[in-house]
Amino acid sequence: MKTITIETPLVSECSVTECAYNLDSNCHARAITIGDGVHPSCDTFFDNRNLHTKAAVRMAGIGACKIEACKFNDDFECITENIRVGHSKDEISCLTFAPR
């Protein structure tokens, strides 16, 4: 497999313990996508309370952000240093979202 290395903002904290990528309040997906175009939800959320990732060494980066209304969005990419993901109302969201 060919791989590339890119710099992306990190998911510094994820309080969504029911996600399969969450281990010890950290996201261990390779990269996550934020937003559905309107809401800053975590599109990578995978509800699996019984099975969690084994990739405890890796920290997730933000691969894409589809929320144009966020001040940290530049050309559909997140430009802040890191984000936090957690519950917001009834959604799993980027808690770092800030309107322009």
C-alpha atoms as a PDB file:
ATOM      1  CA  MET A   1       0.000   0.000   0.000  1.00  0.00           C
ATOM      2  CA  LYS A   2       1.257   3.464  -0.861  1.00  0.00           C
ATOM      3  CA  THR A   3       0.865   6.086   1.841  1.00  0.00           C
ATOM      4  CA  ILE A   4       1.227   9.834   2.122  1.00  0.00           C
ATOM      5  CA  THR A   5       2.004  11.973   5.112  1.00  0.00           C
ATOM      6  CA  ILE A   6       0.110  15.217   5.535  1.00  0.00           C
ATOM      7  CA  GLU A   7      -0.217  17.716   8.340  1.00  0.00           C
ATOM      8  CA  THR A   8      -3.743  18.090   9.668  1.00  0.00           C
ATOM      9  CA  PRO A   9      -5.251  19.512  12.839  1.00  0.00           C
ATOM     10  CA  LEU A  10      -5.682  16.850  15.525  1.00  0.00           C
ATOM     11  CA  VAL A  11      -8.720  15.680  17.429  1.00  0.00           C
ATOM     12  CA  SER A  12      -7.371  16.589  20.869  1.00  0.00           C
ATOM     13  CA  GLU A  13     -10.311  15.123  22.777  1.00  0.00           C
ATOM     14  CA  CYS A  14     -13.387  13.009  22.062  1.00  0.00           C
ATOM     15  CA  SER A  15     -15.891  12.372  24.838  1.00  0.00           C
ATOM     16  CA  VAL A  16     -18.096  10.091  22.695  1.00  0.00           C
ATOM     17  CA  THR A  17     -17.363   6.801  24.453  1.00  0.00           C
ATOM     18  CA  GLU A  18     -19.922   4.861  22.394  1.00  0.00           C
ATOM     19  CA  CYS A  19     -17.916   5.398  19.189  1.00  0.00           C
ATOM     20  CA  ALA A  20     -15.804   2.472  17.995  1.00  0.00           C
ATOM     21  CA  TYR A  21     -12.893   4.837  17.291  1.00  0.00           C
ATOM     22  CA  ASN A  22     -12.873   6.185  20.866  1.00  0.00           C
ATOM     23  CA  LEU A  23     -10.459   4.762  23.401  1.00  0.00           C
ATOM     24  CA  ASP A  24      -9.735   6.566  26.674  1.00  0.00           C
ATOM     25  CA  SER A  25     -11.461   9.768  25.435  1.00  0.00           C
ATOM     26  CA  ASN A  26      -9.279   9.960  22.344  1.00  0.00           C
ATOM     27  CA  CYS A  27     -10.219   9.419  18.710  1.00  0.00           C
ATOM     28  CA  HIS A  28      -8.070   6.830  16.975  1.00  0.00           C
ATOM     29  CA  ALA A  29      -9.511   6.959  13.443  1.00  0.00           C
ATOM     30  CA  ARG A  30      -6.936   7.875  10.814  1.00  0.00           C
ATOM     31  CA  ALA A  31      -8.924  10.985   9.898  1.00  0.00           C
ATOM     32  CA  ILE A  32     -12.431  12.260  10.529  1.00  0.00           C
ATOM     33  CA  THR A  33     -14.855  14.315   8.464  1.00  0.00           C
ATOM     34  CA  ILE A  34     -16.843  17.088  10.091  1.00  0.00           C
ATOM     35  CA  GLY A  35     -20.244  18.235   8.942  1.00  0.00           C
ATOM     36  CA  ASP A  36     -23.109  17.502   6.637  1.00  0.00           C
ATOM     37  CA  GLY A  37     -23.026  20.948   5.071  1.00  0.00           C
ATOM     38  CA  VAL A  38     -25.242  22.457   7.784  1.00  0.00           C
ATOM     39  CA  HIS A  39     -24.456  20.892  11.179  1.00  0.00           C
ATOM     40  CA  PRO A  40     -20.901  20.436  12.539  1.00  0.00           C
ATOM     41  CA  SER A  41     -21.489  16.757  13.280  1.00  0.00           C
ATOM     42  CA  CYS A  42     -18.819  14.058  13.240  1.00  0.00           C
ATOM     43  CA  ASP A  43     -19.509  12.104  10.045  1.00  0.00           C
ATOM     44  CA  THR A  44     -16.978   9.454  11.093  1.00  0.00           C
ATOM     45  CA  PHE A  45     -18.913   8.457  14.240  1.00  0.00           C
ATOM     46  CA  PHE A  46     -19.454   4.695  14.303  1.00  0.00           C
ATOM     47  CA  ASP A  47     -21.807   3.530  17.065  1.00  0.00           C
ATOM     48  CA  ASN A  48     -20.354   0.331  18.442  1.00  0.00           C
ATOM     49  CA  ARG A  49     -20.341   0.177  22.232  1.00  0.00           C
ATOM     50  CA  ASN A  50     -18.923  -3.349  22.308  1.00  0.00           C
ATOM     51  CA  LEU A  51     -16.009  -3.121  19.900  1.00  0.00           C
ATOM     52  CA  HIS A  52     -13.373  -0.402  20.074  1.00  0.00           C
ATOM     53  CA  THR A  53     -10.348   0.280  17.933  1.00  0.00           C
ATOM     54  CA  LYS A  54      -7.077  -1.466  18.620  1.00  0.00           C
ATOM     55  CA  ALA A  55      -5.073   1.438  17.127  1.00  0.00           C
ATOM     56  CA  ALA A  56      -4.383   3.140  20.460  1.00  0.00           C
ATOM     57  CA  VAL A  57      -1.148   4.713  19.219  1.00  0.00           C
ATOM     58  CA  ARG A  58      -2.686   6.767  16.413  1.00  0.00           C
ATOM     59  CA  MET A  59      -4.451  10.104  16.992  1.00  0.00           C
ATOM     60  CA  ALA A  60      -7.058  11.254  14.492  1.00  0.00           C
ATOM     61  CA  GLY A  61      -6.638  14.232  12.235  1.00  0.00           C
ATOM     62  CA  ILE A  62      -9.361  16.193  10.487  1.00  0.00           C
ATOM     63  CA  GLY A  63      -9.537  15.084   6.869  1.00  0.00           C
ATOM     64  CA  ALA A  64     -12.301  17.423   5.736  1.00  0.00           C
ATOM     65  CA  CYS A  65     -14.771  19.962   7.059  1.00  0.00           C
ATOM     66  CA  LYS A  66     -17.996  20.565   5.154  1.00  0.00           C
ATOM     67  CA  ILE A  67     -19.158  23.499   7.299  1.00  0.00           C
ATOM     68  CA  GLU A  68     -18.532  26.670   5.285  1.00  0.00           C
ATOM     69  CA  ALA A  69     -20.044  28.785   8.084  1.00  0.00           C
ATOM     70  CA  CYS A  70     -17.205  27.892  10.491  1.00  0.00           C
ATOM     71  CA  LYS A  71     -14.426  30.468  10.853  1.00  0.00           C
ATOM     72  CA  PHE A  72     -11.860  27.637  10.946  1.00  0.00           C
ATOM     73  CA  ASN A  73     -12.930  26.308   7.514  1.00  0.00           C
ATOM     74  CA  ASP A  74     -10.688  27.239   4.596  1.00  0.00           C
ATOM     75  CA  ASP A  75     -11.521  25.566   1.296  1.00  0.00           C
ATOM     76  CA  PHE A  76     -13.303  22.700   3.130  1.00  0.00           C
ATOM     77  CA  GLU A  77     -10.329  22.012   5.381  1.00  0.00           C
ATOM     78  CA  CYS A  78      -9.967  22.786   9.070  1.00  0.00           C
ATOM     79  CA  ILE A  79      -7.233  25.329   9.835  1.00  0.00           C
ATOM     80  CA  THR A  80      -7.298  25.383  13.629  1.00  0.00           C
ATOM     81  CA  GLU A  81      -4.603  23.574  15.612  1.00  0.00           C
ATOM     82  CA  ASN A  82      -6.942  20.975  17.132  1.00  0.00           C
ATOM     83  CA  ILE A  83     -10.603  20.278  17.804  1.00  0.00           C
ATOM     84  CA  ARG A  84     -12.728  18.634  20.458  1.00  0.00           C
ATOM     85  CA  VAL A  85     -15.590  16.277  19.609  1.00  0.00           C
ATOM     86  CA  GLY A  86     -18.490  15.521  21.938  1.00  0.00           C
ATOM     87  CA  HIS A  87     -22.238  15.566  22.489  1.00  0.00           C
ATOM     88  CA  SER A  88     -24.106  18.753  21.610  1.00  0.00           C
ATOM     89  CA  LYS A  89     -27.845  18.466  22.110  1.00  0.00           C
ATOM     90  CA  ASP A  90     -28.739  15.190  20.359  1.00  0.00           C
ATOM     91  CA  GLU A  91     -25.785  15.180  17.940  1.00  0.00           C
ATOM     92  CA  ILE A  92     -22.130  14.209  18.071  1.00  0.00           C
ATOM     93  CA  SER A  93     -20.411  17.394  16.998  1.00  0.00           C
ATOM     94  CA  CYS A  94     -17.243  19.387  16.620  1.00  0.00           C
ATOM     95  CA  LEU A  95     -17.267  21.421  19.835  1.00  0.00           C
ATOM     96  CA  THR A  96     -14.649  23.785  18.383  1.00  0.00           C
ATOM     97  CA  PHE A  97     -17.090  25.047  15.710  1.00  0.00           C
ATOM     98  CA  ALA A  98     -17.251  28.854  15.670  1.00  0.00           C
ATOM     99  CA  PRO A  99     -19.483  30.827  13.302  1.00  0.00           C
ATOM    100  CA  ARG A 100     -17.828  33.329  10.942  1.00  0.00           C
END
